[in-house]
Protein backbone atom coordinates (compact mmCIF):
# COMPACT_ATOMS: atom_id res chain seq x y z
CA UNK A 1 1.36 16.78 -19.41
CA UNK A 2 2.36 16.32 -23.04
CA UNK A 3 5.69 16.00 -24.93
CA UNK A 4 6.40 19.74 -24.49
CA UNK A 5 4.64 20.79 -21.28
CA UNK A 6 5.69 19.74 -17.79
CA UNK A 7 5.83 20.85 -14.20
CA UNK A 8 8.15 20.10 -11.28
CA UNK A 9 7.51 20.99 -7.67
CA UNK A 10 9.33 20.46 -4.41
CA UNK A 11 10.62 22.07 -1.26
CA UNK A 12 13.06 24.95 -1.68
CA UNK A 13 16.06 23.98 0.46
CA UNK A 14 17.76 27.34 -0.23
CA UNK A 15 15.06 29.22 1.70
CA UNK A 16 15.37 29.83 5.45
CA UNK A 17 11.81 28.52 5.86
CA UNK A 18 12.08 24.70 5.80
CA UNK A 19 8.55 24.49 4.36
CA UNK A 20 9.08 26.93 1.49
CA UNK A 21 8.09 25.39 -1.81
CA UNK A 22 9.09 25.88 -5.42
CA UNK A 23 7.60 25.15 -8.83
CA UNK A 24 8.91 25.33 -12.40
CA UNK A 25 7.08 24.90 -15.72
CA UNK A 26 8.46 23.99 -19.15
CA UNK A 27 6.73 24.48 -22.50
CA UNK A 28 9.62 23.25 -24.68
CA UNK A 29 10.18 19.69 -23.50
CA UNK A 30 12.49 20.67 -20.65
CA UNK A 31 14.99 22.84 -22.54
CA UNK A 32 14.02 25.89 -20.47
CA UNK A 33 12.09 26.26 -17.22
CA UNK A 34 10.13 29.22 -15.85
CA UNK A 35 9.91 29.64 -12.09
CA UNK A 36 6.31 29.95 -10.91
CA UNK A 37 4.86 31.57 -7.84
CA UNK A 38 4.73 28.35 -5.77
CA UNK A 39 1.50 29.14 -3.82
CA UNK A 40 2.13 26.20 -1.49
CA UNK A 41 3.05 23.72 -4.21
CA UNK A 42 5.72 21.26 -3.26
CA UNK A 43 4.02 19.58 -0.35
CA UNK A 44 2.03 17.21 -2.48
CA UNK A 45 1.70 15.29 -5.69
CA UNK A 46 0.43 16.76 -8.93
CA UNK A 47 -3.00 15.60 -10.06
CA UNK A 48 -3.63 15.76 -13.79
CA UNK A 49 -6.25 14.53 -16.18
CA UNK A 50 -7.23 16.00 -19.56
CA UNK A 51 -10.80 16.41 -18.30
CA UNK A 52 -10.06 18.26 -15.05
CA UNK A 53 -6.71 19.94 -15.68
CA UNK A 54 -3.93 20.24 -13.11
CA UNK A 55 -4.40 20.44 -9.34
CA UNK A 56 -2.31 20.55 -6.16
CA UNK A 57 -3.49 20.31 -2.61
CA UNK A 58 -1.71 22.81 -0.36
CA UNK A 59 -2.12 24.07 3.19
CA UNK A 60 -5.85 24.71 3.42
CA UNK A 61 -6.24 25.18 -0.33
CA UNK A 62 -6.65 23.47 -3.64
CA UNK A 63 -4.68 25.09 -6.47
CA UNK A 64 -6.02 24.43 -9.98
CA UNK A 65 -5.06 25.21 -13.55
CA UNK A 66 -7.11 24.56 -16.66
CA UNK A 67 -4.34 25.63 -19.09
CA UNK A 68 -1.52 23.18 -18.16
CA UNK A 69 -0.05 25.46 -15.52
CA UNK A 70 0.11 28.82 -17.33
CA UNK A 71 -2.35 30.38 -14.89
CA UNK A 72 -3.57 29.19 -11.49
CA UNK A 73 -6.48 29.81 -9.17
CA UNK A 74 -6.56 29.09 -5.48
CA UNK A 75 -9.69 27.61 -3.96
CA UNK A 76 -9.99 27.99 -0.19
CA UNK A 77 -10.75 24.59 1.25
CA UNK A 78 -9.93 24.46 4.96
CA UNK A 79 -8.51 26.74 7.64
CA UNK A 80 -6.31 23.87 8.79
CA UNK A 81 -5.17 20.66 7.21
CA UNK A 82 -2.14 19.81 5.15
CA UNK A 83 -3.18 17.64 2.22
CA UNK A 84 -0.63 15.31 0.66
CA UNK A 85 -2.66 14.18 -2.36
CA UNK A 86 -5.84 14.95 -4.23
CA UNK A 87 -8.20 12.92 -6.41
CA UNK A 88 -10.77 14.42 -8.77
CA UNK A 89 -13.66 12.73 -10.59
CA UNK A 90 -16.12 15.12 -12.18
CA UNK A 91 -17.17 17.59 -9.47
CA UNK A 92 -16.02 15.32 -6.64
CA UNK A 93 -12.68 16.30 -5.11
CA UNK A 94 -11.03 14.43 -2.24
CA UNK A 95 -7.92 15.57 -0.39
CA UNK A 96 -6.05 13.60 2.29
CA UNK A 97 -2.92 14.06 4.36
CA UNK A 98 -1.19 13.57 7.71
CA UNK A 99 -2.86 13.41 11.12
CA UNK A 100 -6.09 11.93 9.78
CA UNK A 101 -6.86 14.84 7.47
CA UNK A 102 -9.53 14.02 4.87
CA UNK A 103 -11.69 16.59 3.12
CA UNK A 104 -14.11 16.44 0.22
CA UNK A 105 -16.11 18.64 -2.13
CA UNK A 106 -18.99 17.55 -4.33
CA UNK A 107 -19.28 20.84 -6.26
CA UNK A 108 -15.89 21.20 -7.87
CA UNK A 109 -14.25 22.91 -4.88
CA UNK A 110 -16.73 25.69 -4.13
CA UNK A 111 -17.67 24.21 -0.75
CA UNK A 112 -15.76 21.72 1.40
CA UNK A 113 -16.51 19.33 4.23
CA UNK A 114 -14.24 17.47 6.64
CA UNK A 115 -14.23 13.70 7.04
CA UNK A 116 -11.51 13.45 9.70
CA UNK A 117 -9.99 10.11 10.63
CA UNK A 118 -7.99 9.14 13.72
CA UNK A 119 -4.99 11.43 14.26
CA UNK A 120 -2.51 8.55 14.17
CA UNK A 121 -3.50 7.81 10.56
CA UNK A 122 -1.40 9.52 7.92
CA UNK A 123 -2.47 9.55 4.27
CA UNK A 124 -0.13 9.96 1.29
CA UNK A 125 -2.29 8.91 -1.67
CA UNK A 126 -5.79 9.37 -3.09
CA UNK A 127 -7.38 7.55 -6.03
CA UNK A 128 -10.85 8.41 -7.31
CA UNK A 129 -12.65 5.78 -9.36
CA UNK A 130 -15.73 7.88 -10.08
CA UNK A 131 -17.75 10.64 -8.37
CA UNK A 132 -18.79 8.27 -5.56
CA UNK A 133 -15.94 5.77 -5.22
CA UNK A 134 -12.49 6.60 -3.84
CA UNK A 135 -9.55 5.14 -1.94
CA UNK A 136 -7.06 6.82 0.40
CA UNK A 137 -3.84 5.21 1.55
CA UNK A 138 -0.99 5.74 3.96
CA UNK A 139 -0.48 4.06 7.30
CA UNK A 140 -3.85 2.44 6.53
CA UNK A 141 -5.95 2.12 3.39
CA UNK A 142 -9.60 3.21 3.34
CA UNK A 143 -12.53 3.15 0.91
CA UNK A 144 -15.48 5.51 0.36
CA UNK A 145 -18.63 4.72 -1.62
CA UNK A 146 -20.31 8.10 -1.09
CA UNK A 147 -17.99 10.73 -2.52
CA UNK A 148 -15.75 10.97 0.55
CA UNK A 149 -18.32 11.53 3.28
CA UNK A 150 -17.74 8.19 5.02
CA UNK A 151 -14.69 5.92 5.03
CA UNK A 152 -14.20 2.23 5.79
CA UNK A 153 -10.90 0.43 6.43
CA UNK A 154 -9.69 -1.76 3.60
CA UNK A 155 -8.40 -5.15 4.70
CA UNK A 156 -4.93 -5.50 3.18
CA UNK A 157 -3.33 -8.92 2.57
CA UNK A 158 -0.16 -7.64 4.24
CA UNK A 159 0.84 -4.67 6.36
CA UNK A 160 2.73 -1.83 4.67
CA UNK A 161 2.57 1.95 4.26
CA UNK A 162 0.81 2.94 1.03
CA UNK A 163 2.68 5.69 -0.83
CA UNK A 164 0.70 5.76 -4.06
CA UNK A 165 -2.62 4.59 -5.49
CA UNK A 166 -3.69 4.39 -9.11
CA UNK A 167 -6.76 3.14 -10.92
CA UNK A 168 -6.09 1.27 -14.16
CA UNK A 169 -9.11 -0.14 -15.93
CA UNK A 170 -11.12 -2.08 -13.37
CA UNK A 171 -8.33 -2.32 -10.75
CA UNK A 172 -6.93 -0.09 -8.05
CA UNK A 173 -3.21 -0.61 -7.37
CA UNK A 174 -1.44 0.31 -4.13
CA UNK A 175 2.34 0.54 -3.82
CA UNK A 176 4.40 1.24 -0.74
CA UNK A 177 7.15 0.31 1.64
CA UNK A 178 9.36 -2.74 1.20
CA UNK A 179 8.50 -2.92 -2.51
CA UNK A 180 4.91 -3.87 -1.73
CA UNK A 181 2.37 -3.72 -4.54
CA UNK A 182 -1.16 -5.05 -4.35
CA UNK A 183 -4.30 -4.61 -6.40
CA UNK A 184 -8.04 -4.95 -5.94
CA UNK A 185 -10.50 -5.66 -8.69
CA UNK A 186 -13.30 -3.11 -8.81
CA UNK A 187 -16.83 -4.34 -9.23
C-alpha cells in the first residue's frame, strides 16, 4: 500500500481444509510479517485505493479495512456466492466470481443485490470506472452502465480468458491467457 505497509494472502496448504486461507501484514517494508485472522481472505485479489481503503471479497462477504489492514470489518453480502474480485467506485461495489456470480451494492455495502449470469460463465476480474460504469471478465467479458444491475457482453477482438482488468486514464485493459492483452478506449 506504501513503501512500508503491505499484505499477502493465499490458501494455507498446511491446513487439512483445502480452502483454508491465510493473510500476513507488514508495516516495516517486509522485514517482519504478522499473521492475521484470515476471515476468508485468500480466495480473491486485494482491492486498494487511497479513497476507499482495502477490500477482499470472500464467501458471502466483503471484508474491508480503512487503516491499511490493521483492523477489519466484515460486511455480509450474500448467503451463497464465491467472489473472485471486487471493484469499488464511491458507494458502488461490484463483486464477481465463478458460476456466473455477480453482486452489487450502491450504498457502500450495507445492502446487496444479485445480478446472476449464466452458470457456465466464470469471472476472475472486476474494474470499476465510476459509480455507474464497470467491467467484469473471465470466460467472457461484460459491461455495465448502471452500477452493476444489468450486464452486456463485450465483443472481444479475439477469444481468451480474462484474468485481470485495470482502468488507466481513459482506457480499460484486459489481460489473460496466451499472453493476450487488449484495451478499449472509454468515452
